[in-house]
C-alpha atoms as a PDB file:
ATOM      1  CA  MET A   1      63.486  12.234 -23.083  1.00  0.00           C
ATOM      2  CA  HIS A   2      60.653  14.302 -25.000  1.00  0.00           C
ATOM      3  CA  PHE A   3      59.021  15.582 -21.857  1.00  0.00           C
ATOM      4  CA  ILE A   4      62.475  16.276 -20.413  1.00  0.00           C
ATOM      5  CA  ASN A   5      63.372  18.304 -23.184  1.00  0.00           C
ATOM      6  CA  LEU A   6      59.812  20.061 -23.611  1.00  0.00           C
ATOM      7  CA  PHE A   7      60.189  20.826 -20.347  1.00  0.00           C
ATOM      8  CA  LEU A   8      63.823  22.384 -20.257  1.00  0.00           C
ATOM      9  CA  PHE A   9      63.485  23.908 -23.731  1.00  0.00           C
ATOM     10  CA  TYR A  10      60.348  26.137 -22.727  1.00  0.00           C
ATOM     11  CA  SER A  11      61.599  26.769 -19.012  1.00  0.00           C
ATOM     12  CA  ILE A  12      64.811  28.068 -20.764  1.00  0.00           C
ATOM     13  CA  PHE A  13      63.149  30.010 -23.694  1.00  0.00           C
ATOM     14  CA  GLY A  14      60.226  31.438 -21.555  1.00  0.00           C
ATOM     15  CA  ASN A  15      63.268  32.924 -18.981  1.00  0.00           C
ATOM     16  CA  ILE A  16      65.089  34.320 -21.783  1.00  0.00           C
ATOM     17  CA  PHE A  17      61.730  35.826 -23.221  1.00  0.00           C
ATOM     18  CA  GLU A  18      60.808  37.189 -19.862  1.00  0.00           C
ATOM     19  CA  ARG A  19      64.312  38.806 -19.393  1.00  0.00           C
ATOM     20  CA  VAL A  20      63.782  40.471 -22.919  1.00  0.00           C
ATOM     21  CA  LEU A  21      60.530  41.887 -22.323  1.00  0.00           C
ATOM     22  CA  MET A  22      61.209  42.969 -18.811  1.00  0.00           C
ATOM     23  CA  TYR A  23      64.376  44.639 -20.092  1.00  0.00           C
ATOM     24  CA  PHE A  24      62.336  47.440 -21.744  1.00  0.00           C
ATOM     25  CA  VAL A  25      59.909  47.222 -19.181  1.00  0.00           C
ATOM     26  CA  ASP A  26      61.661  47.239 -15.672  1.00  0.00           C
ATOM     27  CA  ARG A  27      65.548  47.209 -15.529  1.00  0.00           C
ATOM     28  CA  THR A  28      65.594  45.749 -12.051  1.00  0.00           C
ATOM     29  CA  TYR A  29      63.427  43.019 -12.804  1.00  0.00           C
ATOM     30  CA  VAL A  30      64.874  39.452 -11.432  1.00  0.00           C
ATOM     31  CA  SER A  31      63.380  36.374 -13.268  1.00  0.00           C
ATOM     32  CA  GLY A  32      61.641  33.728 -10.985  1.00  0.00           C
ATOM     33  CA  ILE A  33      62.769  31.904  -8.135  1.00  0.00           C
ATOM     34  CA  MET A  34      65.241  29.878  -9.682  1.00  0.00           C
ATOM     35  CA  GLY A  35      67.367  32.671 -10.336  1.00  0.00           C
ATOM     36  CA  THR A  36      69.403  31.230 -13.465  1.00  0.00           C
ATOM     37  CA  ILE A  37      68.631  30.004 -16.798  1.00  0.00           C
ATOM     38  CA  PHE A  38      65.061  28.482 -16.034  1.00  0.00           C
ATOM     39  CA  THR A  39      61.734  29.555 -15.276  1.00  0.00           C
ATOM     40  CA  PRO A  40      60.012  26.360 -14.329  1.00  0.00           C
ATOM     41  CA  VAL A  41      56.441  27.684 -15.211  1.00  0.00           C
ATOM     42  CA  TYR A  42      56.946  28.237 -19.067  1.00  0.00           C
ATOM     43  CA  GLY A  43      58.006  24.514 -18.895  1.00  0.00           C
ATOM     44  CA  PHE A  44      54.603  23.115 -17.019  1.00  0.00           C
ATOM     45  CA  ALA A  45      53.004  25.634 -19.438  1.00  0.00           C
ATOM     46  CA  ILE A  46      53.830  23.936 -22.722  1.00  0.00           C
ATOM     47  CA  ILE A  47      53.621  20.469 -21.486  1.00  0.00           C
ATOM     48  CA  ILE A  48      50.041  21.298 -20.162  1.00  0.00           C
ATOM     49  CA  ILE A  49      48.683  23.256 -23.246  1.00  0.00           C
ATOM     50  CA  LEU A  50      50.313  20.514 -25.381  1.00  0.00           C
ATOM     51  CA  PHE A  51      48.369  17.823 -23.666  1.00  0.00           C
ATOM     52  CA  ILE A  52      44.973  19.809 -23.690  1.00  0.00           C
ATOM     53  CA  ASP A  53      45.628  20.397 -27.507  1.00  0.00           C
ATOM     54  CA  GLU A  54      46.503  16.905 -28.404  1.00  0.00           C
ATOM     55  CA  ARG A  55      42.653  16.314 -27.156  1.00  0.00           C
ATOM     56  CA  LEU A  56      40.876  19.116 -28.949  1.00  0.00           C
ATOM     57  CA  LYS A  57      39.139  17.542 -31.774  1.00  0.00           C
ATOM     58  CA  ILE A  58      38.630  20.742 -33.731  1.00  0.00           C
ATOM     59  CA  LYS A  59      39.164  20.734 -37.140  1.00  0.00           C
ATOM     60  CA  ASN A  60      38.345  24.337 -38.364  1.00  0.00           C
ATOM     61  CA  LYS A  61      41.120  26.995 -37.417  1.00  0.00           C
ATOM     62  CA  PHE A  62      38.686  29.750 -37.629  1.00  0.00           C
ATOM     63  CA  ILE A  63      36.963  27.785 -34.687  1.00  0.00           C
ATOM     64  CA  LYS A  64      40.074  25.985 -32.906  1.00  0.00           C
ATOM     65  CA  VAL A  65      42.166  29.203 -32.705  1.00  0.00           C
ATOM     66  CA  PRO A  66      39.604  31.459 -30.828  1.00  0.00           C
ATOM     67  CA  ILE A  67      38.664  28.331 -28.280  1.00  0.00           C
ATOM     68  CA  GLN A  68      42.375  27.927 -28.014  1.00  0.00           C
ATOM     69  CA  PHE A  69      42.985  31.679 -27.357  1.00  0.00           C
ATOM     70  CA  ILE A  70      40.366  31.660 -24.447  1.00  0.00           C
ATOM     71  CA  LEU A  71      40.979  28.191 -23.185  1.00  0.00           C
ATOM     72  CA  TYR A  72      44.840  28.604 -22.967  1.00  0.00           C
ATOM     73  CA  GLY A  73      44.490  32.173 -21.438  1.00  0.00           C
ATOM     74  CA  LEU A  74      42.426  30.633 -18.904  1.00  0.00           C
ATOM     75  CA  VAL A  75      44.463  27.614 -18.038  1.00  0.00           C
ATOM     76  CA  LEU A  76      47.638  29.930 -17.790  1.00  0.00           C
ATOM     77  CA  THR A  77      46.042  32.361 -15.700  1.00  0.00           C
ATOM     78  CA  VAL A  78      45.103  29.656 -13.285  1.00  0.00           C
ATOM     79  CA  LEU A  79      48.857  28.641 -13.511  1.00  0.00           C
ATOM     80  CA  GLU A  80      50.170  31.864 -13.167  1.00  0.00           C
ATOM     81  CA  PHE A  81      47.767  32.214  -9.979  1.00  0.00           C
ATOM     82  CA  LEU A  82      48.785  28.896  -8.565  1.00  0.00           C
ATOM     83  CA  GLY A  83      52.840  29.620  -9.026  1.00  0.00           C
ATOM     84  CA  GLY A  84      52.370  33.080  -7.254  1.00  0.00           C
ATOM     85  CA  PHE A  85      50.243  31.543  -4.400  1.00  0.00           C
ATOM     86  CA  LEU A  86      52.503  28.622  -3.986  1.00  0.00           C
ATOM     87  CA  ILE A  87      55.853  30.827  -4.129  1.00  0.00           C
ATOM     88  CA  GLU A  88      54.501  33.163  -1.775  1.00  0.00           C
ATOM     89  CA  GLN A  89      53.250  30.078   0.772  1.00  0.00           C
ATOM     90  CA  ILE A  90      56.231  28.294   0.591  1.00  0.00           C
ATOM     91  CA  PHE A  91      59.183  30.540  -0.064  1.00  0.00           C
ATOM     92  CA  ASN A  92      57.327  33.839   1.957  1.00  0.00           C
ATOM     93  CA  LYS A  93      58.218  36.112  -1.061  1.00  0.00           C
ATOM     94  CA  VAL A  94      56.219  37.464  -3.676  1.00  0.00           C
ATOM     95  CA  TYR A  95      58.116  37.570  -7.306  1.00  0.00           C
ATOM     96  CA  TRP A  96      55.285  39.293  -9.499  1.00  0.00           C
ATOM     97  CA  ASN A  97      52.282  41.518  -8.170  1.00  0.00           C
ATOM     98  CA  TYR A  98      49.623  43.084 -10.781  1.00  0.00           C
ATOM     99  CA  ASN A  99      48.240  45.462  -8.120  1.00  0.00           C
ATOM    100  CA  PHE A 100      49.393  48.486 -10.182  1.00  0.00           C
ATOM    101  CA  PHE A 101      47.310  46.872 -13.431  1.00  0.00           C
ATOM    102  CA  LYS A 102      44.006  48.325 -14.039  1.00  0.00           C
ATOM    103  CA  PHE A 103      42.403  44.900 -14.273  1.00  0.00           C
ATOM    104  CA  ASN A 104      44.029  43.009 -11.927  1.00  0.00           C
ATOM    105  CA  ILE A 105      42.578  40.339  -9.374  1.00  0.00           C
ATOM    106  CA  GLY A 106      44.896  40.206  -6.572  1.00  0.00           C
ATOM    107  CA  LYS A 107      48.296  40.368  -6.850  1.00  0.00           C
ATOM    108  CA  TYR A 108      49.052  37.450  -9.143  1.00  0.00           C
ATOM    109  CA  ILE A 109      46.723  37.690 -12.095  1.00  0.00           C
ATOM    110  CA  SER A 110      45.176  40.499 -14.236  1.00  0.00           C
ATOM    111  CA  LEU A 111      43.094  40.462 -17.305  1.00  0.00           C
ATOM    112  CA  GLU A 112      46.143  42.190 -19.162  1.00  0.00           C
ATOM    113  CA  SER A 113      48.467  39.421 -18.249  1.00  0.00           C
ATOM    114  CA  SER A 114      45.953  37.028 -19.032  1.00  0.00           C
ATOM    115  CA  LEU A 115      45.647  38.297 -22.215  1.00  0.00           C
ATOM    116  CA  LEU A 116      49.098  38.233 -22.802  1.00  0.00           C
ATOM    117  CA  TRP A 117      49.130  34.549 -21.938  1.00  0.00           C
ATOM    118  CA  ALA A 118      46.330  33.603 -24.490  1.00  0.00           C
ATOM    119  CA  THR A 119      48.345  35.652 -27.533  1.00  0.00           C
ATOM    120  CA  LEU A 120      51.568  33.817 -26.590  1.00  0.00           C
ATOM    121  CA  SER A 121      49.990  30.422 -26.222  1.00  0.00           C
ATOM    122  CA  ILE A 122      48.875  30.936 -30.054  1.00  0.00           C
ATOM    123  CA  VAL A 123      52.334  32.216 -31.204  1.00  0.00           C
ATOM    124  CA  VAL A 124      54.290  29.426 -29.092  1.00  0.00           C
ATOM    125  CA  LEU A 125      51.534  26.551 -30.671  1.00  0.00           C
ATOM    126  CA  TYR A 126      52.070  27.881 -34.076  1.00  0.00           C
ATOM    127  CA  LEU A 127      55.402  29.351 -34.766  1.00  0.00           C
ATOM    128  CA  ILE A 128      57.426  28.461 -32.315  1.00  0.00           C
ATOM    129  CA  HIS A 129      56.622  25.103 -31.371  1.00  0.00           C
ATOM    130  CA  PRO A 130      56.758  23.641 -34.870  1.00  0.00           C
ATOM    131  CA  LEU A 131      60.229  24.961 -35.154  1.00  0.00           C
ATOM    132  CA  TYR A 132      61.326  23.175 -31.702  1.00  0.00           C
ATOM    133  CA  LYS A 133      59.756  19.934 -33.055  1.00  0.00           C
ATOM    134  CA  LYS A 134      62.463  19.980 -36.256  1.00  0.00           C
ATOM    135  CA  LEU A 135      65.277  20.797 -33.654  1.00  0.00           C
ATOM    136  CA  GLU A 136      64.330  18.485 -30.922  1.00  0.00           C
ATOM    137  CA  LYS A 137      66.002  15.167 -32.951  1.00  0.00           C
ATOM    138  CA  TYR A 138      69.185  17.233 -32.781  1.00  0.00           C
ATOM    139  CA  ILE A 139      69.106  17.785 -29.208  1.00  0.00           C
ATOM    140  CA  PRO A 140      72.358  15.631 -27.731  1.00  0.00           C
ATOM    141  CA  LYS A 141      71.257  13.194 -24.859  1.00  0.00           C
ATOM    142  CA  PHE A 142      74.374  14.674 -23.229  1.00  0.00           C
ATOM    143  CA  ILE A 143      72.778  17.990 -23.106  1.00  0.00           C
ATOM    144  CA  THR A 144      69.345  17.038 -21.794  1.00  0.00           C
ATOM    145  CA  ILE A 145      71.294  15.057 -19.034  1.00  0.00           C
ATOM    146  CA  GLY A 146      73.482  18.206 -18.075  1.00  0.00           C
ATOM    147  CA  LEU A 147      70.703  20.624 -18.199  1.00  0.00           C
ATOM    148  CA  SER A 148      68.685  18.025 -16.074  1.00  0.00           C
ATOM    149  CA  ILE A 149      71.187  17.749 -13.323  1.00  0.00           C
ATOM    150  CA  PHE A 150      72.008  21.689 -13.626  1.00  0.00           C
ATOM    151  CA  PHE A 151      68.345  22.164 -12.907  1.00  0.00           C
ATOM    152  CA  ILE A 152      67.675  19.489 -10.128  1.00  0.00           C
ATOM    153  CA  ILE A 153      70.956  21.272  -8.197  1.00  0.00           C
ATOM    154  CA  ASN A 154      69.366  24.483  -8.835  1.00  0.00           C
ATOM    155  CA  PHE A 155      66.019  23.288  -7.255  1.00  0.00           C
ATOM    156  CA  ILE A 156      67.443  21.866  -4.072  1.00  0.00           C
ATOM    157  CA  TYR A 157      69.613  25.327  -3.674  1.00  0.00           C
ATOM    158  CA  VAL A 158      66.236  26.963  -4.113  1.00  0.00           C
ATOM    159  CA  LEU A 159      64.515  25.164  -1.569  1.00  0.00           C
ATOM    160  CA  ILE A 160      67.361  24.834   0.910  1.00  0.00           C
ATOM    161  CA  VAL A 161      68.707  28.807   0.725  1.00  0.00           C
ATOM    162  CA  LYS A 162      65.930  30.912  -0.555  1.00  0.00           C
END
């Protein structure tokens, strides 16, 4: 249940964060291909980051945090590129386009967004995830099962309709 809760929580948390952020930038913005409370890339992102972070054996925070910033910025940029590329290939849709950013590398990634991902990875690791770990034990199993079923139905709907 741990990884399912992680995935679901951060898919929902990331979706909410993205919607709030984009409310101030572009009020016509629609979050992700799922179209509901889930943006799965955030769930995958946290699982990948935590997997890598468990293997980083650096004790000194003055060295570890800059390495995390660079490493996770790169990892999340690759994930964002793959997500955008696969969505366009599979669904023939483009959900984000960074061509208007000064330092874009094609439509899916830019230096500006990479710096945002790097910063957010540090914020999540050191501020949000410790809170999540304290709350996770209070998530009832029926909530996890219900959200999982909703996610699966939503995902199947996206595959069939979109």
